[in-house]
N, C-alpha and C. Protein backbone atom coordinates (compact mmCIF):
# COMPACT_ATOMS: atom_id res chain seq x y z
N MET A 1 1.06 -1.02 -0.10
CA MET A 1 0.04 -0.10 0.35
C MET A 1 1.29 0.97 0.50
N LEU A 2 0.41 2.25 -0.20
CA LEU A 2 1.06 3.73 -0.53
C LEU A 2 0.87 4.43 1.09
N THR A 3 1.77 4.93 1.61
CA THR A 3 1.73 5.64 2.85
C THR A 3 1.55 7.29 2.80
N ASN A 4 1.56 7.82 4.15
CA ASN A 4 1.52 9.19 3.81
C ASN A 4 2.80 9.42 3.97
N ASP A 5 3.92 8.32 4.21
CA ASP A 5 5.24 9.05 3.90
C ASP A 5 5.63 9.40 2.71
N THR A 6 5.07 8.96 1.49
CA THR A 6 5.29 9.43 0.61
C THR A 6 4.84 10.70 0.05
N LEU A 7 3.22 11.16 0.60
CA LEU A 7 2.84 12.13 0.18
C LEU A 7 3.52 13.53 1.08
N LYS A 8 3.93 13.05 2.05
CA LYS A 8 4.66 13.90 3.17
C LYS A 8 6.29 14.49 2.56
N PHE A 9 6.70 13.40 1.93
CA PHE A 9 7.87 13.79 0.84
C PHE A 9 7.65 14.98 -0.35
N LEU A 10 6.43 14.33 -0.88
CA LEU A 10 6.58 15.16 -1.86
C LEU A 10 5.80 16.55 -1.67
N LYS A 11 5.01 16.91 -0.18
CA LYS A 11 4.80 17.74 0.07
C LYS A 11 5.91 18.46 0.27
N GLU A 12 7.17 18.19 1.27
CA GLU A 12 8.47 18.76 1.35
C GLU A 12 9.19 19.00 0.38
N LEU A 13 8.86 17.97 -0.71
CA LEU A 13 9.72 18.83 -1.97
C LEU A 13 9.13 19.72 -2.74
N SER A 14 7.73 20.30 -2.69
CA SER A 14 7.40 21.15 -3.09
C SER A 14 7.87 22.88 -2.92
N LYS A 15 8.07 22.58 -1.57
CA LYS A 15 8.53 23.38 -0.51
C LYS A 15 10.66 23.41 -0.67
N ASN A 16 10.99 22.69 -1.77
CA ASN A 16 12.47 22.48 -1.53
C ASN A 16 12.80 22.05 -2.52
N ASN A 17 12.53 22.37 -3.73
CA ASN A 17 12.71 21.90 -4.75
C ASN A 17 13.85 22.06 -5.23
N ASN A 18 15.19 21.55 -4.84
CA ASN A 18 16.15 22.28 -5.24
C ASN A 18 17.28 20.76 -5.04
N LYS A 19 18.60 20.93 -6.01
CA LYS A 19 19.53 19.22 -6.08
C LYS A 19 19.93 19.46 -4.49
N GLU A 20 20.15 20.21 -3.78
CA GLU A 20 20.73 19.89 -2.58
C GLU A 20 19.89 19.28 -1.31
N TRP A 21 18.26 19.57 -1.43
CA TRP A 21 17.81 19.19 -0.57
C TRP A 21 17.45 17.75 -0.72
N PHE A 22 16.97 17.61 -2.29
CA PHE A 22 16.95 16.45 -2.84
C PHE A 22 17.91 15.17 -2.35
N GLU A 23 19.07 15.30 -2.48
CA GLU A 23 20.21 14.67 -2.47
C GLU A 23 20.35 13.98 -0.85
N LYS A 24 19.80 15.21 -0.27
CA LYS A 24 19.66 14.62 1.83
C LYS A 24 18.47 13.97 1.49
N ASN A 25 17.71 13.71 0.93
CA ASN A 25 16.63 13.21 1.15
C ASN A 25 16.10 12.07 0.28
N ARG A 26 17.32 11.85 -0.49
CA ARG A 26 17.48 10.67 -1.16
C ARG A 26 17.01 9.46 -0.68
N LYS A 27 17.12 8.79 0.36
CA LYS A 27 16.71 7.92 1.03
C LYS A 27 15.14 7.79 0.79
N ARG A 28 14.38 9.10 1.43
CA ARG A 28 12.67 9.06 1.51
C ARG A 28 11.96 8.77 -0.24
N TYR A 29 13.65 9.32 -0.91
CA TYR A 29 12.68 9.38 -2.19
C TYR A 29 12.55 7.96 -3.10
N GLU A 30 13.78 6.99 -2.61
CA GLU A 30 14.10 5.85 -2.98
C GLU A 30 12.84 5.09 -2.25
N ASN A 31 12.98 5.25 -0.84
CA ASN A 31 11.36 4.74 -0.54
C ASN A 31 9.72 4.79 -0.80
N ALA A 32 9.78 6.02 -1.36
CA ALA A 32 8.58 6.44 -2.05
C ALA A 32 8.35 5.49 -3.22
N GLN A 33 9.56 5.71 -4.16
CA GLN A 33 9.70 4.21 -5.62
C GLN A 33 9.23 3.34 -5.32
N THR A 34 9.91 2.46 -3.53
CA THR A 34 9.81 1.41 -3.70
C THR A 34 7.74 1.03 -2.97
N GLU A 35 7.73 1.93 -2.66
CA GLU A 35 6.56 1.58 -2.52
C GLU A 35 5.27 2.11 -3.54
N ILE A 36 5.66 3.10 -3.95
CA ILE A 36 5.03 2.88 -5.84
C ILE A 36 5.24 1.68 -6.76
N LYS A 37 5.87 1.33 -6.53
CA LYS A 37 6.18 0.14 -7.39
C LYS A 37 5.55 -1.13 -7.33
N SER A 38 5.33 -1.27 -5.66
CA SER A 38 4.95 -2.30 -5.04
C SER A 38 3.25 -2.07 -5.26
N PHE A 39 3.14 -1.01 -5.36
CA PHE A 39 1.63 -0.76 -5.27
C PHE A 39 1.07 -0.71 -6.82
N ILE A 40 1.48 -0.54 -7.88
CA ILE A 40 1.57 -0.69 -9.43
C ILE A 40 1.73 -2.45 -9.96
N ALA A 41 2.18 -2.99 -8.69
CA ALA A 41 3.04 -4.64 -9.08
C ALA A 41 1.46 -4.86 -8.40
N ALA A 42 0.95 -4.42 -7.68
CA ALA A 42 -0.70 -5.22 -6.95
C ALA A 42 -1.59 -4.65 -7.70
N TRP A 43 -1.46 -3.46 -8.64
CA TRP A 43 -2.89 -3.18 -9.19
C TRP A 43 -2.41 -3.70 -10.59
N ILE A 44 -1.01 -4.14 -11.14
CA ILE A 44 -1.55 -4.64 -12.23
C ILE A 44 -1.75 -6.82 -11.98
N ASN A 45 -1.39 -6.58 -10.96
CA ASN A 45 -1.77 -8.05 -10.91
C ASN A 45 -3.37 -8.43 -10.39
N ASN A 46 -3.70 -7.32 -9.72
CA ASN A 46 -5.61 -7.76 -9.21
C ASN A 46 -6.61 -7.45 -10.87
N TYR A 47 -5.89 -5.95 -11.25
CA TYR A 47 -6.49 -6.03 -12.64
C TYR A 47 -6.14 -6.78 -13.90
N GLY A 48 -4.59 -7.50 -13.74
CA GLY A 48 -4.80 -8.05 -14.92
C GLY A 48 -5.43 -8.88 -14.73
N ASN A 49 -6.12 -9.59 -14.09
CA ASN A 49 -6.78 -10.84 -13.93
C ASN A 49 -8.25 -10.71 -14.95
N LYS A 50 -8.35 -9.33 -15.00
CA LYS A 50 -9.57 -9.17 -15.92
C LYS A 50 -9.23 -8.70 -17.15
N ASP A 51 -7.75 -8.01 -17.65
CA ASP A 51 -7.28 -7.70 -18.66
C ASP A 51 -6.20 -8.38 -19.10
N GLU A 52 -6.10 -9.33 -19.23
CA GLU A 52 -4.79 -9.62 -19.77
C GLU A 52 -3.93 -8.85 -21.00
N SER A 53 -4.30 -7.83 -21.07
CA SER A 53 -3.13 -6.95 -22.17
C SER A 53 -2.42 -6.17 -21.23
N ILE A 54 -3.17 -6.14 -19.63
CA ILE A 54 -2.34 -5.32 -18.86
C ILE A 54 -1.09 -6.00 -18.19
N ALA A 55 -1.85 -7.73 -17.87
CA ALA A 55 -0.92 -8.65 -17.08
C ALA A 55 0.55 -8.47 -17.08
N HIS A 56 1.11 -8.16 -18.09
CA HIS A 56 2.36 -8.78 -18.79
C HIS A 56 3.59 -7.26 -18.40
N LEU A 57 2.28 -5.88 -18.04
CA LEU A 57 3.07 -5.03 -17.61
C LEU A 57 4.71 -4.64 -16.76
N ASP A 58 5.49 -4.50 -16.81
CA ASP A 58 6.51 -4.06 -16.01
C ASP A 58 6.39 -2.72 -14.58
N PRO A 59 5.99 -3.14 -13.41
CA PRO A 59 5.99 -1.95 -12.64
C PRO A 59 6.96 -0.95 -13.14
N LYS A 60 8.38 -0.89 -13.04
CA LYS A 60 8.90 -0.25 -12.90
C LYS A 60 8.93 0.68 -14.53
N LYS A 61 8.46 0.08 -15.65
CA LYS A 61 8.36 0.96 -16.66
C LYS A 61 6.82 2.08 -17.15
N CYS A 62 6.09 1.36 -16.07
CA CYS A 62 5.08 2.03 -15.89
C CYS A 62 5.32 4.00 -14.90
N ILE A 63 6.22 3.94 -14.42
CA ILE A 63 6.24 4.98 -13.66
C ILE A 63 6.91 6.04 -14.26
N PHE A 64 6.36 7.43 -14.20
CA PHE A 64 7.09 8.28 -14.81
C PHE A 64 8.21 9.04 -14.32
N ARG A 65 8.94 9.45 -14.54
CA ARG A 65 10.20 10.09 -13.76
C ARG A 65 10.44 11.04 -12.70
N ILE A 66 10.80 11.58 -11.91
CA ILE A 66 10.15 12.60 -10.93
C ILE A 66 11.27 13.75 -11.34
N ASN A 67 12.36 13.89 -12.51
CA ASN A 67 13.40 14.71 -13.30
C ASN A 67 12.37 15.20 -13.77
N ARG A 68 12.27 16.80 -13.33
CA ARG A 68 11.76 17.22 -15.08
C ARG A 68 12.36 17.94 -16.40
N ASP A 69 12.11 18.13 -17.45
CA ASP A 69 12.78 18.42 -18.51
C ASP A 69 12.76 19.75 -18.36
N VAL A 70 13.90 20.39 -18.04
CA VAL A 70 13.64 22.02 -17.87
C VAL A 70 14.40 22.66 -19.23
N ARG A 71 14.23 22.37 -20.18
CA ARG A 71 15.68 22.58 -21.02
C ARG A 71 14.54 24.18 -22.02
N PHE A 72 13.50 23.84 -21.74
CA PHE A 72 12.78 25.09 -22.99
C PHE A 72 11.30 25.75 -21.82
N SER A 73 11.95 24.97 -20.70
CA SER A 73 10.36 25.85 -19.80
C SER A 73 11.50 27.19 -18.74
N ALA A 74 10.24 27.71 -18.65
CA ALA A 74 10.67 29.34 -18.12
C ALA A 74 10.92 28.69 -16.46
N ASN A 75 9.89 27.74 -16.04
CA ASN A 75 10.31 26.95 -14.42
C ASN A 75 11.51 25.99 -14.82
N LYS A 76 12.44 26.06 -14.04
CA LYS A 76 13.62 25.87 -14.22
C LYS A 76 13.43 24.81 -12.71
N ALA A 77 12.89 24.24 -11.81
CA ALA A 77 12.81 23.80 -10.54
C ALA A 77 13.10 22.06 -10.89
N PRO A 78 14.11 21.37 -10.77
CA PRO A 78 14.52 20.68 -10.81
C PRO A 78 13.26 19.01 -11.11
N TYR A 79 12.46 18.87 -10.25
CA TYR A 79 11.74 17.99 -9.91
C TYR A 79 10.34 18.06 -9.73
N LYS A 80 9.54 17.57 -10.33
CA LYS A 80 7.89 17.53 -10.50
C LYS A 80 7.57 17.22 -8.57
N ASN A 81 6.31 18.07 -8.38
CA ASN A 81 5.85 17.77 -7.43
C ASN A 81 5.21 16.53 -6.56
N ASN A 82 4.56 15.72 -7.87
CA ASN A 82 4.22 14.42 -7.49
C ASN A 82 5.16 13.05 -8.47
N LEU A 83 4.10 12.35 -8.05
CA LEU A 83 4.60 10.81 -8.70
C LEU A 83 3.53 10.42 -9.59
N GLY A 84 3.43 9.64 -10.77
CA GLY A 84 2.73 9.22 -11.28
C GLY A 84 3.35 8.26 -12.37
N ALA A 85 1.85 7.15 -12.72
CA ALA A 85 2.15 5.86 -13.35
C ALA A 85 1.23 5.62 -14.26
N TYR A 86 1.27 5.42 -15.41
CA TYR A 86 0.56 5.20 -16.58
C TYR A 86 0.12 3.48 -17.03
N LEU A 87 -0.30 3.13 -16.79
CA LEU A 87 -0.82 2.01 -17.50
C LEU A 87 -1.75 1.68 -18.68
N THR A 88 -0.96 0.71 -19.72
CA THR A 88 -1.89 0.54 -21.22
C THR A 88 -0.91 -0.24 -21.56
N LYS A 89 -1.58 -1.23 -22.68
CA LYS A 89 -1.32 -2.54 -23.38
C LYS A 89 0.01 -2.40 -23.71
N GLY A 90 0.24 -1.12 -24.42
CA GLY A 90 1.44 -0.96 -25.24
C GLY A 90 3.17 -0.34 -24.21
N GLY A 91 2.84 0.05 -22.94
CA GLY A 91 3.83 0.68 -22.38
C GLY A 91 3.47 1.93 -22.75
N LYS A 92 3.95 2.52 -21.60
CA LYS A 92 3.68 4.19 -21.38
C LYS A 92 4.14 5.05 -22.45
N ASN A 93 5.28 4.54 -23.06
CA ASN A 93 5.82 5.41 -24.16
C ASN A 93 4.82 5.33 -25.58
N THR A 94 3.93 4.37 -25.64
CA THR A 94 3.03 4.38 -26.62
C THR A 94 2.19 5.11 -26.12
N ASN A 95 1.19 5.80 -27.13
CA ASN A 95 -0.22 6.61 -27.64
C ASN A 95 -0.90 6.06 -27.62
N LEU A 96 -1.65 5.06 -26.82
CA LEU A 96 -2.61 4.39 -26.52
C LEU A 96 -3.06 4.77 -25.12
N ALA A 97 -4.72 3.93 -25.63
CA ALA A 97 -5.39 5.00 -24.06
C ALA A 97 -4.99 3.89 -23.56
N GLY A 98 -4.64 4.52 -22.01
CA GLY A 98 -4.75 3.91 -20.58
C GLY A 98 -5.46 4.11 -19.33
N PHE A 99 -4.67 3.98 -17.93
CA PHE A 99 -5.35 4.13 -17.13
C PHE A 99 -4.10 5.09 -16.00
N TYR A 100 -4.35 6.13 -15.83
CA TYR A 100 -3.12 7.52 -15.26
C TYR A 100 -3.57 7.37 -13.24
N LEU A 101 -2.30 7.37 -12.92
CA LEU A 101 -2.16 7.44 -11.17
C LEU A 101 -1.45 8.69 -10.69
N HIS A 102 -2.57 9.93 -10.34
CA HIS A 102 -1.57 10.77 -10.11
C HIS A 102 -1.52 10.99 -8.77
N ILE A 103 -0.47 11.15 -8.22
CA ILE A 103 0.10 11.43 -6.54
C ILE A 103 0.70 12.29 -6.44
N GLU A 104 0.09 13.44 -5.31
CA GLU A 104 0.18 14.23 -5.22
C GLU A 104 -0.37 14.75 -4.00
N PRO A 105 0.14 15.69 -3.09
CA PRO A 105 -0.74 15.82 -1.68
C PRO A 105 -1.57 16.84 -1.79
N ASN A 106 -2.96 16.65 -1.96
CA ASN A 106 -4.13 17.11 -1.60
C ASN A 106 -4.70 17.68 -3.40
N ASN A 107 -3.81 16.77 -4.31
CA ASN A 107 -4.55 17.00 -5.66
C ASN A 107 -4.44 15.09 -6.48
N CYS A 108 -4.78 14.22 -5.78
CA CYS A 108 -4.27 12.66 -6.20
C CYS A 108 -5.92 12.50 -7.06
N PHE A 109 -5.59 11.95 -8.06
CA PHE A 109 -6.74 11.71 -9.10
C PHE A 109 -6.34 10.25 -10.18
N PHE A 110 -7.59 9.68 -10.62
CA PHE A 110 -7.41 8.83 -11.23
C PHE A 110 -7.73 8.97 -12.32
N GLY A 111 -7.19 8.75 -13.50
CA GLY A 111 -7.30 9.57 -14.76
C GLY A 111 -7.67 8.33 -15.84
N ALA A 112 -8.16 8.43 -17.08
CA ALA A 112 -8.29 7.23 -17.83
C ALA A 112 -8.75 7.61 -19.32
N GLY A 113 -8.09 7.11 -20.56
CA GLY A 113 -8.57 7.44 -21.58
C GLY A 113 -7.24 8.29 -22.51
N ASN A 114 -7.46 8.38 -23.04
CA ASN A 114 -5.87 8.83 -24.38
C ASN A 114 -6.43 10.70 -24.43
N TYR A 115 -5.58 11.11 -23.47
CA TYR A 115 -5.09 12.56 -23.31
C TYR A 115 -5.26 13.37 -24.52
N MET A 116 -3.81 13.18 -25.36
CA MET A 116 -3.46 13.56 -26.70
C MET A 116 -3.05 12.70 -28.20
N PRO A 117 -3.96 12.06 -28.51
CA PRO A 117 -3.82 11.33 -29.31
C PRO A 117 -3.23 11.97 -30.76
N MET A 118 -2.76 11.36 -31.67
CA MET A 118 -1.99 11.73 -32.84
C MET A 118 -2.88 12.08 -33.62
N PRO A 119 -2.70 13.31 -34.27
CA PRO A 119 -3.63 13.80 -35.55
C PRO A 119 -4.39 12.56 -36.51
N ASP A 120 -3.24 11.21 -36.74
CA ASP A 120 -4.37 10.34 -37.29
C ASP A 120 -5.30 9.20 -36.38
N GLN A 121 -4.65 9.66 -35.40
CA GLN A 121 -5.07 8.85 -34.29
C GLN A 121 -6.51 9.56 -33.62
N LEU A 122 -6.73 10.95 -33.61
CA LEU A 122 -7.69 11.29 -33.50
C LEU A 122 -9.08 10.90 -34.60
N ALA A 123 -8.09 11.29 -35.53
CA ALA A 123 -9.39 10.97 -36.67
C ALA A 123 -9.66 9.73 -36.53
N LYS A 124 -9.09 8.92 -36.58
CA LYS A 124 -9.56 7.58 -36.35
C LYS A 124 -10.72 7.54 -35.26
N ILE A 125 -10.52 7.45 -33.90
CA ILE A 125 -11.60 8.02 -33.09
C ILE A 125 -12.58 8.73 -33.32
N ARG A 126 -12.46 10.12 -34.04
CA ARG A 126 -14.01 10.38 -34.41
C ARG A 126 -14.52 9.81 -35.07
N GLN A 127 -13.89 9.19 -36.25
CA GLN A 127 -14.70 8.16 -37.45
C GLN A 127 -15.32 6.87 -36.60
N GLU A 128 -14.62 6.35 -35.44
CA GLU A 128 -15.23 5.05 -34.52
C GLU A 128 -16.76 5.67 -33.81
N ILE A 129 -16.76 6.67 -33.69
CA ILE A 129 -17.72 7.97 -32.72
C ILE A 129 -18.44 7.68 -33.48
N ASP A 130 -18.38 8.36 -34.79
CA ASP A 130 -19.07 8.75 -35.82
C ASP A 130 -19.97 7.70 -36.32
N TYR A 131 -18.95 6.73 -36.35
CA TYR A 131 -19.77 5.24 -37.17
C TYR A 131 -20.59 4.76 -36.03
N ASN A 132 -19.88 4.63 -35.06
CA ASN A 132 -20.63 3.84 -33.53
C ASN A 132 -21.19 4.28 -32.47
N PHE A 133 -21.55 5.19 -32.88
CA PHE A 133 -21.94 6.40 -31.81
C PHE A 133 -22.76 5.43 -30.71
N ALA A 134 -23.81 5.14 -31.02
CA ALA A 134 -24.75 4.16 -29.92
C ALA A 134 -23.79 3.46 -28.88
N ASP A 135 -22.79 2.73 -29.91
CA ASP A 135 -22.17 1.96 -28.89
C ASP A 135 -21.08 3.00 -27.76
N PHE A 136 -20.84 4.06 -28.25
CA PHE A 136 -20.10 4.78 -27.86
C PHE A 136 -20.56 5.39 -26.49
N LYS A 137 -22.32 5.96 -27.04
CA LYS A 137 -22.90 6.52 -25.90
C LYS A 137 -23.06 5.82 -24.81
N LYS A 138 -23.61 4.28 -25.31
CA LYS A 138 -24.06 3.34 -24.22
C LYS A 138 -22.93 3.59 -23.09
N ILE A 139 -21.54 3.06 -23.33
CA ILE A 139 -20.68 3.27 -22.39
C ILE A 139 -20.31 4.41 -21.56
N ILE A 140 -20.40 5.23 -22.25
CA ILE A 140 -20.41 6.30 -21.42
C ILE A 140 -21.54 6.71 -20.68
N SER A 141 -22.61 6.64 -21.23
CA SER A 141 -23.47 6.64 -19.99
C SER A 141 -24.33 6.17 -19.14
N SER A 142 -23.50 5.11 -19.03
CA SER A 142 -24.02 3.61 -17.96
C SER A 142 -23.73 4.34 -16.55
N LYS A 143 -24.66 4.16 -15.94
CA LYS A 143 -25.04 4.88 -14.19
C LYS A 143 -23.60 4.25 -13.87
N LYS A 144 -22.68 2.91 -13.63
CA LYS A 144 -21.73 2.78 -12.93
C LYS A 144 -20.70 3.82 -13.62
N PHE A 145 -20.32 4.21 -14.72
CA PHE A 145 -19.46 4.53 -15.73
C PHE A 145 -20.13 6.33 -15.46
N LYS A 146 -21.19 6.82 -15.14
CA LYS A 146 -21.50 8.28 -14.81
C LYS A 146 -20.72 8.67 -13.47
N ASP A 147 -21.81 7.26 -12.73
CA ASP A 147 -21.35 7.82 -10.59
C ASP A 147 -19.99 8.00 -10.78
N SER A 148 -19.17 7.21 -11.33
CA SER A 148 -17.66 7.14 -11.03
C SER A 148 -16.95 8.23 -11.47
N PHE A 149 -17.21 8.56 -12.74
CA PHE A 149 -16.62 9.56 -13.72
C PHE A 149 -17.36 10.88 -13.64
N GLY A 150 -18.65 10.91 -13.87
CA GLY A 150 -19.17 12.06 -14.52
C GLY A 150 -19.25 11.97 -15.98
N GLU A 151 -18.37 13.54 -16.03
CA GLU A 151 -18.91 13.43 -18.03
C GLU A 151 -17.37 13.22 -18.24
N LEU A 152 -17.28 13.32 -19.66
CA LEU A 152 -15.81 13.93 -20.08
C LEU A 152 -14.97 14.86 -20.12
N SER A 153 -13.78 14.85 -20.52
CA SER A 153 -13.38 16.25 -20.15
C SER A 153 -13.45 17.15 -21.44
N GLN A 154 -13.87 18.62 -20.88
CA GLN A 154 -13.82 19.55 -22.11
C GLN A 154 -12.45 20.31 -22.74
N GLU A 155 -11.62 19.79 -21.96
CA GLU A 155 -10.35 20.47 -21.82
C GLU A 155 -9.88 20.66 -23.52
N ASN A 156 -9.56 21.71 -24.37
CA ASN A 156 -9.44 21.76 -25.41
C ASN A 156 -10.08 21.78 -26.68
N LYS A 157 -11.82 21.44 -26.19
CA LYS A 157 -12.51 21.19 -26.78
C LYS A 157 -12.59 22.51 -28.27
N LEU A 158 -12.96 21.87 -29.10
CA LEU A 158 -13.25 22.87 -30.47
C LEU A 158 -14.51 23.78 -30.31
N LYS A 159 -14.60 24.69 -30.62
CA LYS A 159 -15.56 25.47 -30.88
C LYS A 159 -16.80 25.40 -31.73
N ARG A 160 -16.09 24.74 -33.08
CA ARG A 160 -16.60 24.36 -33.98
C ARG A 160 -16.40 22.96 -34.33
N PRO A 161 -17.19 22.28 -36.00
CA PRO A 161 -17.09 21.07 -35.97
C PRO A 161 -15.88 20.90 -36.55
N PRO A 162 -14.79 19.58 -36.64
CA PRO A 162 -13.38 19.33 -37.23
C PRO A 162 -13.96 18.97 -38.41
N LYS A 163 -13.12 19.20 -39.18
CA LYS A 163 -13.39 18.77 -40.65
C LYS A 163 -13.78 18.07 -41.38
N GLY A 164 -14.86 18.01 -41.83
CA GLY A 164 -15.41 16.40 -42.47
C GLY A 164 -16.97 16.28 -41.36
N TYR A 165 -17.14 17.34 -40.90
CA TYR A 165 -18.51 16.79 -39.78
C TYR A 165 -19.23 18.13 -39.36
N GLU A 166 -20.51 17.59 -39.59
CA GLU A 166 -21.92 18.43 -39.71
C GLU A 166 -22.07 19.02 -38.44
N GLU A 167 -22.04 20.20 -37.58
CA GLU A 167 -23.21 20.26 -36.48
C GLU A 167 -24.23 20.21 -36.25
N THR A 168 -25.07 19.57 -37.38
CA THR A 168 -26.44 18.53 -37.12
C THR A 168 -25.77 17.01 -36.44
N ASN A 169 -24.33 16.56 -36.62
CA ASN A 169 -24.18 15.05 -35.98
C ASN A 169 -24.63 14.98 -34.99
N GLU A 170 -25.73 13.68 -34.68
CA GLU A 170 -25.42 13.64 -33.35
C GLU A 170 -24.25 13.78 -32.51
N ALA A 171 -23.45 13.15 -32.41
CA ALA A 171 -22.25 12.58 -32.02
C ALA A 171 -21.15 14.17 -31.68
N ILE A 172 -21.68 15.46 -31.83
CA ILE A 172 -20.83 16.18 -32.99
C ILE A 172 -20.37 16.79 -31.25
N GLU A 173 -20.75 16.98 -30.50
CA GLU A 173 -20.35 17.74 -29.32
C GLU A 173 -19.38 16.49 -28.54
N TYR A 174 -19.14 15.34 -28.73
CA TYR A 174 -18.04 14.27 -28.97
C TYR A 174 -16.65 14.52 -30.13
N LEU A 175 -17.36 14.59 -31.22
CA LEU A 175 -16.64 14.75 -32.29
C LEU A 175 -15.53 16.03 -32.29
N LYS A 176 -16.14 16.99 -31.15
CA LYS A 176 -15.31 18.41 -31.31
C LYS A 176 -13.84 18.17 -29.91
N LEU A 177 -14.08 16.99 -29.40
CA LEU A 177 -13.26 17.29 -28.43
C LEU A 177 -11.84 16.43 -29.11
N LYS A 178 -10.65 16.88 -28.33
CA LYS A 178 -9.25 16.57 -28.84
C LYS A 178 -8.72 15.74 -28.05
N GLY A 179 -9.07 15.23 -26.95
CA GLY A 179 -8.98 14.09 -26.07
C GLY A 179 -9.94 13.66 -24.99
N PHE A 180 -9.64 12.34 -25.32
CA PHE A 180 -11.19 11.33 -24.88
C PHE A 180 -10.52 10.97 -23.02
N THR A 181 -10.93 11.52 -22.04
CA THR A 181 -10.71 11.39 -20.92
C THR A 181 -11.14 11.54 -20.11
N VAL A 182 -11.91 10.98 -18.79
CA VAL A 182 -12.47 10.69 -17.79
C VAL A 182 -11.48 10.83 -16.16
N PHE A 183 -11.80 11.43 -15.11
CA PHE A 183 -11.33 11.57 -14.53
C PHE A 183 -11.73 11.22 -12.94
N LYS A 184 -11.26 10.76 -11.81
CA LYS A 184 -11.67 10.83 -10.51
C LYS A 184 -10.99 11.66 -9.29
N LYS A 185 -11.18 12.19 -8.79
CA LYS A 185 -10.50 12.58 -7.83
C LYS A 185 -9.87 11.35 -6.47
N ILE A 186 -9.02 11.91 -6.12
CA ILE A 186 -8.97 10.79 -4.88
C ILE A 186 -8.35 11.51 -3.94
N THR A 187 -8.74 11.34 -2.47
CA THR A 187 -7.88 11.98 -1.53
C THR A 187 -7.06 11.38 -0.86
N ASP A 188 -6.28 12.17 -0.25
CA ASP A 188 -4.88 11.63 0.75
C ASP A 188 -4.81 10.50 1.19
N GLU A 189 -6.17 10.34 2.19
CA GLU A 189 -7.22 9.34 2.90
C GLU A 189 -7.37 8.32 2.16
N GLU A 190 -7.98 8.26 1.00
CA GLU A 190 -8.45 7.30 0.16
C GLU A 190 -6.71 6.58 -0.33
N LEU A 191 -5.79 7.42 -0.73
CA LEU A 191 -5.06 6.75 -1.43
C LEU A 191 -3.68 5.95 -0.46
N ALA A 192 -4.23 6.93 1.01
CA ALA A 192 -3.62 5.80 1.75
C ALA A 192 -3.93 4.60 2.39
N SER A 193 -5.19 4.15 2.11
CA SER A 193 -5.92 3.36 2.54
C SER A 193 -5.45 2.08 1.95
N LYS A 194 -5.76 1.31 3.42
CA LYS A 194 -5.46 -0.07 2.58
C LYS A 194 -5.75 -1.20 1.67
N ASP A 195 -7.47 -0.54 1.21
CA ASP A 195 -7.89 -1.07 0.19
C ASP A 195 -8.23 -0.25 -1.08
N PHE A 196 -7.11 0.49 -1.11
CA PHE A 196 -7.27 1.68 -2.54
C PHE A 196 -6.70 0.54 -4.01
N VAL A 197 -5.83 -0.63 -3.22
CA VAL A 197 -5.67 -1.16 -4.47
C VAL A 197 -6.86 -1.61 -5.12
N LYS A 198 -7.98 -2.05 -4.09
CA LYS A 198 -8.99 -2.93 -4.68
C LYS A 198 -9.92 -1.13 -4.99
N THR A 199 -9.49 -0.65 -4.68
CA THR A 199 -10.61 1.03 -5.56
C THR A 199 -10.19 1.50 -6.60
N ILE A 200 -8.66 1.46 -7.33
CA ILE A 200 -8.27 1.20 -8.21
C ILE A 200 -8.39 0.44 -9.47
N THR A 201 -8.47 -1.01 -8.41
CA THR A 201 -8.91 -1.64 -9.71
C THR A 201 -10.34 -2.20 -10.20
N GLU A 202 -11.12 -2.00 -8.95
CA GLU A 202 -12.76 -1.53 -9.94
C GLU A 202 -12.71 -0.30 -10.74
N LEU A 203 -12.06 0.91 -10.34
CA LEU A 203 -12.12 2.13 -11.45
C LEU A 203 -12.17 1.60 -12.82
N SER A 204 -10.63 0.63 -12.60
CA SER A 204 -10.49 0.48 -14.32
C SER A 204 -10.92 -0.48 -14.53
N THR A 205 -11.50 -1.14 -13.86
CA THR A 205 -12.87 -2.33 -14.83
C THR A 205 -14.02 -1.68 -14.95
N THR A 206 -14.26 -0.48 -14.48
CA THR A 206 -15.52 0.23 -14.93
C THR A 206 -15.60 0.86 -16.53
N VAL A 207 -13.97 1.72 -16.32
CA VAL A 207 -13.79 2.76 -17.30
C VAL A 207 -13.36 1.51 -18.87
N LYS A 208 -12.69 0.12 -18.56
CA LYS A 208 -12.00 -0.70 -19.50
C LYS A 208 -13.21 -0.85 -20.38
N PRO A 209 -14.44 -0.46 -20.75
CA PRO A 209 -14.96 -0.57 -22.26
C PRO A 209 -14.68 0.83 -22.70
N PHE A 210 -14.45 1.54 -22.18
CA PHE A 210 -14.58 3.45 -22.76
C PHE A 210 -12.51 3.21 -23.52
N ILE A 211 -11.95 2.09 -22.88
CA ILE A 211 -10.22 2.15 -22.96
C ILE A 211 -10.50 1.39 -23.99
N ASP A 212 -11.19 0.07 -23.71
CA ASP A 212 -11.29 -0.61 -25.17
C ASP A 212 -12.15 -0.24 -27.17
N PHE A 213 -13.05 0.46 -26.44
CA PHE A 213 -13.44 1.79 -27.33
C PHE A 213 -12.29 2.42 -28.09
N LEU A 214 -11.69 3.18 -27.65
CA LEU A 214 -10.70 4.23 -27.78
C LEU A 214 -9.52 3.62 -28.36
N ASN A 215 -9.06 2.26 -28.19
CA ASN A 215 -8.34 1.66 -28.87
C ASN A 215 -7.96 0.77 -30.03
N GLY A 216 -9.62 -0.11 -29.43
CA GLY A 216 -10.11 -0.61 -30.78
C GLY A 216 -9.99 0.64 -32.26
N ALA A 217 -10.10 1.42 -31.84
CA ALA A 217 -10.44 2.96 -32.96
C ALA A 217 -9.12 3.00 -33.82
N VAL A 218 -8.17 2.99 -32.94
CA VAL A 218 -6.93 3.55 -33.67
C VAL A 218 -5.66 1.58 -34.23
N GLU A 219 -6.33 1.30 -33.62
CA GLU A 219 -5.39 -0.48 -33.89
C GLU A 219 -5.91 -0.95 -35.26
C-alpha cells in the first residue's frame, strides 16, 4: 500500500525543490519509489486478472521520472512535485489509451483515456464515434460509468465542428473533443488506505469498455 510518508515527502519537496535538498532526502525518495512500484505491481496483478493486455506490464516501466525536462521551460525547478504511473497495453511510451494514477498531496486523482491522441489517431477515434455512436454513448452513459467519472473532460474542445463533420451530427459534441479522458478525484486518505488497490482495480474495470473502444479505433 501507499503511505502518508510518500505524500509527506512530496509535500516537503514542493517547498524545497532543489538538488541539494533532494540529495539529502534521497533515501526518502527511494522509499517512495519502492512503495509506488509495489503498489503498481499489486494493481497490475489485480486488474490483470480481468485484462490480460495489462498483466504483462513491468511496474518499473509504468512509472514516470520525477526529474523535469527544464530545457524549454521558464520553470527551472529540477523535480516534479508528484509521482505518476500509466498503465496501457503498449507501455507508457506508446500513445494508446490507458489508466493514469497521479500522486500529489491534496491533488491525487485517477484518470483514464487518451489525453493527446496524434492527429491520425484523433481522426480514427472521431470516425469510430461517428460510425458507432450508439455503442460509444452506451458506454459513457452507463450508470456505473457516470457515477464514477461523470462526464468526459472538455479540455481543449473545439468551438466549431472538425473538418468533415456537420453541426447537426448527433455525436458532434464528442467529435469536437481533441482528447478523450475521464477523471476521478482521490483524497489523500483514500490513497493511503489499505483498500486503495481494490478501489483502483474497480475504477479500472468500470472504465475498461471506454479504453477498449478508443484503442479499438486506432489499432
